Amino acid sequence: MRQQPVLGKYFIYTCEAWRDYRIAIIDERGKPPRLLDGQVFQTEEQAMHGVFVLRVKDLRESVK
């Protein structure tokens, strides 16, 4: 999963340090990331788990 291209990859975006974490996607170089609608995480660990779940879901869908 770490070898995926940067464009289109999920990552953790911190809206407010130590409180508010969201998941975002890099669509194009030089442009701001696109925040995903939905969950706001209270800890970085929760956000990392959210990114992991999305990446696994995408990988499973790509092999169908």
PDB file of N, CA and C in Angstrom:
ATOM      1  N   MET A   1       0.825  -1.205   0.000  1.00  0.00           N
ATOM      2  CA  MET A   1       0.000   0.000   0.000  1.00  0.00           C
ATOM      3  C   MET A   1       0.859   1.255   0.000  1.00  0.00           C
ATOM      4  N   ARG A   2       2.029   1.173   0.566  1.00  0.00           N
ATOM      5  CA  ARG A   2       2.883   2.368   0.622  1.00  0.00           C
ATOM      6  C   ARG A   2       3.485   2.716  -0.729  1.00  0.00           C
ATOM      7  N   GLN A   3       3.418   1.792  -1.680  1.00  0.00           N
ATOM      8  CA  GLN A   3       4.018   2.026  -2.981  1.00  0.00           C
ATOM      9  C   GLN A   3       3.039   2.624  -3.981  1.00  0.00           C
ATOM     10  N   GLN A   4       1.854   2.970  -3.524  1.00  0.00           N
ATOM     11  CA  GLN A   4       0.889   3.609  -4.414  1.00  0.00           C
ATOM     12  C   GLN A   4       1.394   4.989  -4.810  1.00  0.00           C
ATOM     13  N   PRO A   5       0.989   5.464  -5.990  1.00  0.00           N
ATOM     14  CA  PRO A   5       1.390   6.816  -6.388  1.00  0.00           C
ATOM     15  C   PRO A   5       0.823   7.858  -5.419  1.00  0.00           C
ATOM     16  N   VAL A   6       1.508   8.974  -5.319  1.00  0.00           N
ATOM     17  CA  VAL A   6       1.092  10.030  -4.388  1.00  0.00           C
ATOM     18  C   VAL A   6      -0.272  10.599  -4.782  1.00  0.00           C
ATOM     19  N   LEU A   7      -0.474  10.845  -6.067  1.00  0.00           N
ATOM     20  CA  LEU A   7      -1.755  11.397  -6.501  1.00  0.00           C
ATOM     21  C   LEU A   7      -2.855  10.368  -6.280  1.00  0.00           C
ATOM     22  N   GLY A   8      -3.912  10.788  -5.628  1.00  0.00           N
ATOM     23  CA  GLY A   8      -5.030   9.911  -5.338  1.00  0.00           C
ATOM     24  C   GLY A   8      -4.886   9.155  -4.030  1.00  0.00           C
ATOM     25  N   LYS A   9      -3.835   9.431  -3.284  1.00  0.00           N
ATOM     26  CA  LYS A   9      -3.574   8.710  -2.041  1.00  0.00           C
ATOM     27  C   LYS A   9      -4.258   9.408  -0.861  1.00  0.00           C
ATOM     28  N   TYR A  10      -4.772   8.607   0.056  1.00  0.00           N
ATOM     29  CA  TYR A  10      -5.371   9.143   1.282  1.00  0.00           C
ATOM     30  C   TYR A  10      -4.272   9.533   2.268  1.00  0.00           C
ATOM     31  N   PHE A  11      -4.530  10.569   3.042  1.00  0.00           N
ATOM     32  CA  PHE A  11      -3.603  10.945   4.101  1.00  0.00           C
ATOM     33  C   PHE A  11      -4.370  11.678   5.196  1.00  0.00           C
ATOM     34  N   ILE A  12      -3.720  11.867   6.321  1.00  0.00           N
ATOM     35  CA  ILE A  12      -4.347  12.537   7.465  1.00  0.00           C
ATOM     36  C   ILE A  12      -4.119  14.037   7.341  1.00  0.00           C
ATOM     37  N   TYR A  13      -5.183  14.783   7.459  1.00  0.00           N
ATOM     38  CA  TYR A  13      -5.139  16.236   7.405  1.00  0.00           C
ATOM     39  C   TYR A  13      -5.547  16.755   8.782  1.00  0.00           C
ATOM     40  N   THR A  14      -4.709  17.568   9.382  1.00  0.00           N
ATOM     41  CA  THR A  14      -4.995  18.109  10.700  1.00  0.00           C
ATOM     42  C   THR A  14      -5.654  19.475  10.550  1.00  0.00           C
ATOM     43  N   CYS A  15      -6.920  19.564  10.947  1.00  0.00           N
ATOM     44  CA  CYS A  15      -7.639  20.833  10.878  1.00  0.00           C
ATOM     45  C   CYS A  15      -7.299  21.703  12.084  1.00  0.00           C
ATOM     46  N   GLU A  16      -7.265  21.098  13.253  1.00  0.00           N
ATOM     47  CA  GLU A  16      -6.904  21.800  14.481  1.00  0.00           C
ATOM     48  C   GLU A  16      -5.963  20.879  15.243  1.00  0.00           C
ATOM     49  N   ALA A  17      -4.750  21.337  15.469  1.00  0.00           N
ATOM     50  CA  ALA A  17      -3.715  20.484  16.059  1.00  0.00           C
ATOM     51  C   ALA A  17      -4.168  19.813  17.352  1.00  0.00           C
ATOM     52  N   TRP A  18      -3.888  18.518  17.417  1.00  0.00           N
ATOM     53  CA  TRP A  18      -4.149  17.679  18.585  1.00  0.00           C
ATOM     54  C   TRP A  18      -5.635  17.487  18.900  1.00  0.00           C
ATOM     55  N   ARG A  19      -6.539  17.854  17.988  1.00  0.00           N
ATOM     56  CA  ARG A  19      -7.974  17.719  18.261  1.00  0.00           C
ATOM     57  C   ARG A  19      -8.779  17.184  17.098  1.00  0.00           C
ATOM     58  N   ASP A  20      -8.510  17.682  15.932  1.00  0.00           N
ATOM     59  CA  ASP A  20      -9.408  17.496  14.798  1.00  0.00           C
ATOM     60  C   ASP A  20      -8.630  16.962  13.603  1.00  0.00           C
ATOM     61  N   TYR A  21      -8.847  15.692  13.272  1.00  0.00           N
ATOM     62  CA  TYR A  21      -8.149  15.058  12.161  1.00  0.00           C
ATOM     63  C   TYR A  21      -9.170  14.599  11.141  1.00  0.00           C
ATOM     64  N   ARG A  22      -8.854  14.797   9.883  1.00  0.00           N
ATOM     65  CA  ARG A  22      -9.734  14.362   8.794  1.00  0.00           C
ATOM     66  C   ARG A  22      -8.897  13.604   7.780  1.00  0.00           C
ATOM     67  N   ILE A  23      -9.590  12.958   6.864  1.00  0.00           N
ATOM     68  CA  ILE A  23      -8.899  12.253   5.787  1.00  0.00           C
ATOM     69  C   ILE A  23      -9.041  13.083   4.515  1.00  0.00           C
ATOM     70  N   ALA A  24      -7.936  13.218   3.806  1.00  0.00           N
ATOM     71  CA  ALA A  24      -7.924  14.008   2.580  1.00  0.00           C
ATOM     72  C   ALA A  24      -7.254  13.204   1.468  1.00  0.00           C
ATOM     73  N   ILE A  25      -7.396  13.713   0.248  1.00  0.00           N
ATOM     74  CA  ILE A  25      -6.803  13.085  -0.931  1.00  0.00           C
ATOM     75  C   ILE A  25      -6.046  14.152  -1.713  1.00  0.00           C
ATOM     76  N   ILE A  26      -4.882  13.768  -2.227  1.00  0.00           N
ATOM     77  CA  ILE A  26      -4.122  14.653  -3.114  1.00  0.00           C
ATOM     78  C   ILE A  26      -4.589  14.346  -4.534  1.00  0.00           C
ATOM     79  N   ASP A  27      -5.308  15.289  -5.153  1.00  0.00           N
ATOM     80  CA  ASP A  27      -5.802  15.090  -6.514  1.00  0.00           C
ATOM     81  C   ASP A  27      -4.811  15.567  -7.571  1.00  0.00           C
ATOM     82  N   GLU A  28      -4.206  16.738  -7.322  1.00  0.00           N
ATOM     83  CA  GLU A  28      -3.258  17.315  -8.281  1.00  0.00           C
ATOM     84  C   GLU A  28      -2.130  17.991  -7.535  1.00  0.00           C
ATOM     85  N   ARG A  29      -0.946  17.902  -8.106  1.00  0.00           N
ATOM     86  CA  ARG A  29       0.197  18.606  -7.497  1.00  0.00           C
ATOM     87  C   ARG A  29      -0.029  20.113  -7.572  1.00  0.00           C
ATOM     88  N   GLY A  30       0.348  20.809  -6.505  1.00  0.00           N
ATOM     89  CA  GLY A  30       0.241  22.255  -6.479  1.00  0.00           C
ATOM     90  C   GLY A  30      -1.142  22.775  -6.132  1.00  0.00           C
ATOM     91  N   LYS A  31      -2.095  21.879  -5.899  1.00  0.00           N
ATOM     92  CA  LYS A  31      -3.443  22.295  -5.528  1.00  0.00           C
ATOM     93  C   LYS A  31      -3.725  21.810  -4.115  1.00  0.00           C
ATOM     94  N   PRO A  32      -4.614  22.493  -3.396  1.00  0.00           N
ATOM     95  CA  PRO A  32      -4.938  22.046  -2.032  1.00  0.00           C
ATOM     96  C   PRO A  32      -5.572  20.660  -2.049  1.00  0.00           C
ATOM     97  N   PRO A  33      -5.378  19.901  -0.973  1.00  0.00           N
ATOM     98  CA  PRO A  33      -5.988  18.575  -0.916  1.00  0.00           C
ATOM     99  C   PRO A  33      -7.510  18.672  -0.811  1.00  0.00           C
ATOM    100  N   ARG A  34      -8.167  17.587  -1.198  1.00  0.00           N
ATOM    101  CA  ARG A  34      -9.624  17.516  -1.097  1.00  0.00           C
ATOM    102  C   ARG A  34      -9.966  16.739   0.174  1.00  0.00           C
ATOM    103  N   LEU A  35     -10.672  17.402   1.094  1.00  0.00           N
ATOM    104  CA  LEU A  35     -11.090  16.739   2.327  1.00  0.00           C
ATOM    105  C   LEU A  35     -12.288  15.856   2.043  1.00  0.00           C
ATOM    106  N   LEU A  36     -12.266  14.636   2.570  1.00  0.00           N
ATOM    107  CA  LEU A  36     -13.404  13.747   2.415  1.00  0.00           C
ATOM    108  C   LEU A  36     -14.504  14.160   3.369  1.00  0.00           C
ATOM    109  N   ASP A  37     -15.721  14.082   2.889  1.00  0.00           N
ATOM    110  CA  ASP A  37     -16.860  14.343   3.763  1.00  0.00           C
ATOM    111  C   ASP A  37     -16.980  13.184   4.734  1.00  0.00           C
ATOM    112  N   GLY A  38     -17.508  13.478   5.869  1.00  0.00           N
ATOM    113  CA  GLY A  38     -17.736  12.372   6.796  1.00  0.00           C
ATOM    114  C   GLY A  38     -17.024  12.557   8.107  1.00  0.00           C
ATOM    115  N   GLN A  39     -16.261  11.549   8.457  1.00  0.00           N
ATOM    116  CA  GLN A  39     -15.737  11.456   9.797  1.00  0.00           C
ATOM    117  C   GLN A  39     -14.699  12.507  10.149  1.00  0.00           C
ATOM    118  N   VAL A  40     -14.785  12.937  11.397  1.00  0.00           N
ATOM    119  CA  VAL A  40     -13.759  13.762  12.020  1.00  0.00           C
ATOM    120  C   VAL A  40     -13.241  12.930  13.190  1.00  0.00           C
ATOM    121  N   PHE A  41     -11.938  12.743  13.229  1.00  0.00           N
ATOM    122  CA  PHE A  41     -11.327  11.894  14.246  1.00  0.00           C
ATOM    123  C   PHE A  41     -10.747  12.748  15.364  1.00  0.00           C
ATOM    124  N   GLN A  42     -10.802  12.228  16.571  1.00  0.00           N
ATOM    125  CA  GLN A  42     -10.302  12.966  17.729  1.00  0.00           C
ATOM    126  C   GLN A  42      -8.830  12.703  18.004  1.00  0.00           C
ATOM    127  N   THR A  43      -8.311  11.567  17.518  1.00  0.00           N
ATOM    128  CA  THR A  43      -6.896  11.261  17.712  1.00  0.00           C
ATOM    129  C   THR A  43      -6.255  10.904  16.376  1.00  0.00           C
ATOM    130  N   GLU A  44      -4.952  11.054  16.328  1.00  0.00           N
ATOM    131  CA  GLU A  44      -4.215  10.703  15.119  1.00  0.00           C
ATOM    132  C   GLU A  44      -4.301   9.197  14.852  1.00  0.00           C
ATOM    133  N   GLU A  45      -4.291   8.404  15.906  1.00  0.00           N
ATOM    134  CA  GLU A  45      -4.380   6.952  15.750  1.00  0.00           C
ATOM    135  C   GLU A  45      -5.703   6.538  15.105  1.00  0.00           C
ATOM    136  N   GLN A  46      -6.795   7.170  15.520  1.00  0.00           N
ATOM    137  CA  GLN A  46      -8.096   6.875  14.909  1.00  0.00           C
ATOM    138  C   GLN A  46      -8.086   7.247  13.430  1.00  0.00           C
ATOM    139  N   ALA A  47      -7.474   8.373  13.111  1.00  0.00           N
ATOM    140  CA  ALA A  47      -7.392   8.816  11.717  1.00  0.00           C
ATOM    141  C   ALA A  47      -6.525   7.861  10.897  1.00  0.00           C
ATOM    142  N   MET A  48      -5.424   7.376  11.470  1.00  0.00           N
ATOM    143  CA  MET A  48      -4.570   6.423  10.762  1.00  0.00           C
ATOM    144  C   MET A  48      -5.331   5.136  10.472  1.00  0.00           C
ATOM    145  N   HIS A  49      -6.140   4.699  11.407  1.00  0.00           N
ATOM    146  CA  HIS A  49      -6.957   3.510  11.184  1.00  0.00           C
ATOM    147  C   HIS A  49      -7.970   3.769  10.062  1.00  0.00           C
ATOM    148  N   GLY A  50      -8.562   4.966  10.050  1.00  0.00           N
ATOM    149  CA  GLY A  50      -9.506   5.326   8.992  1.00  0.00           C
ATOM    150  C   GLY A  50      -8.864   5.299   7.616  1.00  0.00           C
ATOM    151  N   VAL A  51      -7.638   5.799   7.505  1.00  0.00           N
ATOM    152  CA  VAL A  51      -6.903   5.775   6.237  1.00  0.00           C
ATOM    153  C   VAL A  51      -6.618   4.325   5.835  1.00  0.00           C
ATOM    154  N   PHE A  52      -6.193   3.518   6.785  1.00  0.00           N
ATOM    155  CA  PHE A  52      -5.913   2.108   6.515  1.00  0.00           C
ATOM    156  C   PHE A  52      -7.148   1.401   5.969  1.00  0.00           C
ATOM    157  N   VAL A  53      -8.290   1.619   6.599  1.00  0.00           N
ATOM    158  CA  VAL A  53      -9.532   0.970   6.172  1.00  0.00           C
ATOM    159  C   VAL A  53      -9.894   1.387   4.743  1.00  0.00           C
ATOM    160  N   LEU A  54      -9.758   2.662   4.417  1.00  0.00           N
ATOM    161  CA  LEU A  54     -10.063   3.129   3.063  1.00  0.00           C
ATOM    162  C   LEU A  54      -9.112   2.519   2.028  1.00  0.00           C
ATOM    163  N   ARG A  55      -7.829   2.429   2.368  1.00  0.00           N
ATOM    164  CA  ARG A  55      -6.852   1.860   1.434  1.00  0.00           C
ATOM    165  C   ARG A  55      -7.130   0.374   1.193  1.00  0.00           C
ATOM    166  N   VAL A  56      -7.463  -0.357   2.252  1.00  0.00           N
ATOM    167  CA  VAL A  56      -7.791  -1.776   2.093  1.00  0.00           C
ATOM    168  C   VAL A  56      -9.039  -1.932   1.230  1.00  0.00           C
ATOM    169  N   LYS A  57     -10.045  -1.112   1.476  1.00  0.00           N
ATOM    170  CA  LYS A  57     -11.285  -1.163   0.692  1.00  0.00           C
ATOM    171  C   LYS A  57     -10.987  -0.931  -0.789  1.00  0.00           C
ATOM    172  N   ASP A  58     -10.182   0.080  -1.088  1.00  0.00           N
ATOM    173  CA  ASP A  58      -9.823   0.372  -2.481  1.00  0.00           C
ATOM    174  C   ASP A  58      -9.045  -0.778  -3.116  1.00  0.00           C
ATOM    175  N   LEU A  59      -8.122  -1.370  -2.378  1.00  0.00           N
ATOM    176  CA  LEU A  59      -7.350  -2.494  -2.918  1.00  0.00           C
ATOM    177  C   LEU A  59      -8.248  -3.697  -3.195  1.00  0.00           C
ATOM    178  N   ARG A  60      -9.165  -3.967  -2.303  1.00  0.00           N
ATOM    179  CA  ARG A  60     -10.080  -5.099  -2.512  1.00  0.00           C
ATOM    180  C   ARG A  60     -10.954  -4.876  -3.729  1.00  0.00           C
ATOM    181  N   GLU A  61     -11.419  -3.636  -3.929  1.00  0.00           N
ATOM    182  CA  GLU A  61     -12.261  -3.331  -5.077  1.00  0.00           C
ATOM    183  C   GLU A  61     -11.466  -3.400  -6.383  1.00  0.00           C
ATOM    184  N   SER A  62     -10.186  -3.125  -6.327  1.00  0.00           N
ATOM    185  CA  SER A  62      -9.376  -3.117  -7.552  1.00  0.00           C
ATOM    186  C   SER A  62      -9.063  -4.530  -8.064  1.00  0.00           C
ATOM    187  N   VAL A  63      -9.203  -5.538  -7.216  1.00  0.00           N
ATOM    188  CA  VAL A  63      -8.893  -6.909  -7.646  1.00  0.00           C
ATOM    189  C   VAL A  63     -10.145  -7.697  -8.015  1.00  0.00           C
ATOM    190  N   LYS A  64     -11.298  -7.119  -7.931  1.00  0.00           N
ATOM    191  CA  LYS A  64     -12.552  -7.814  -8.284  1.00  0.00           C
ATOM    192  C   LYS A  64     -12.700  -7.917  -9.776  1.00  0.00           C
TER     193      LYS A  64
END
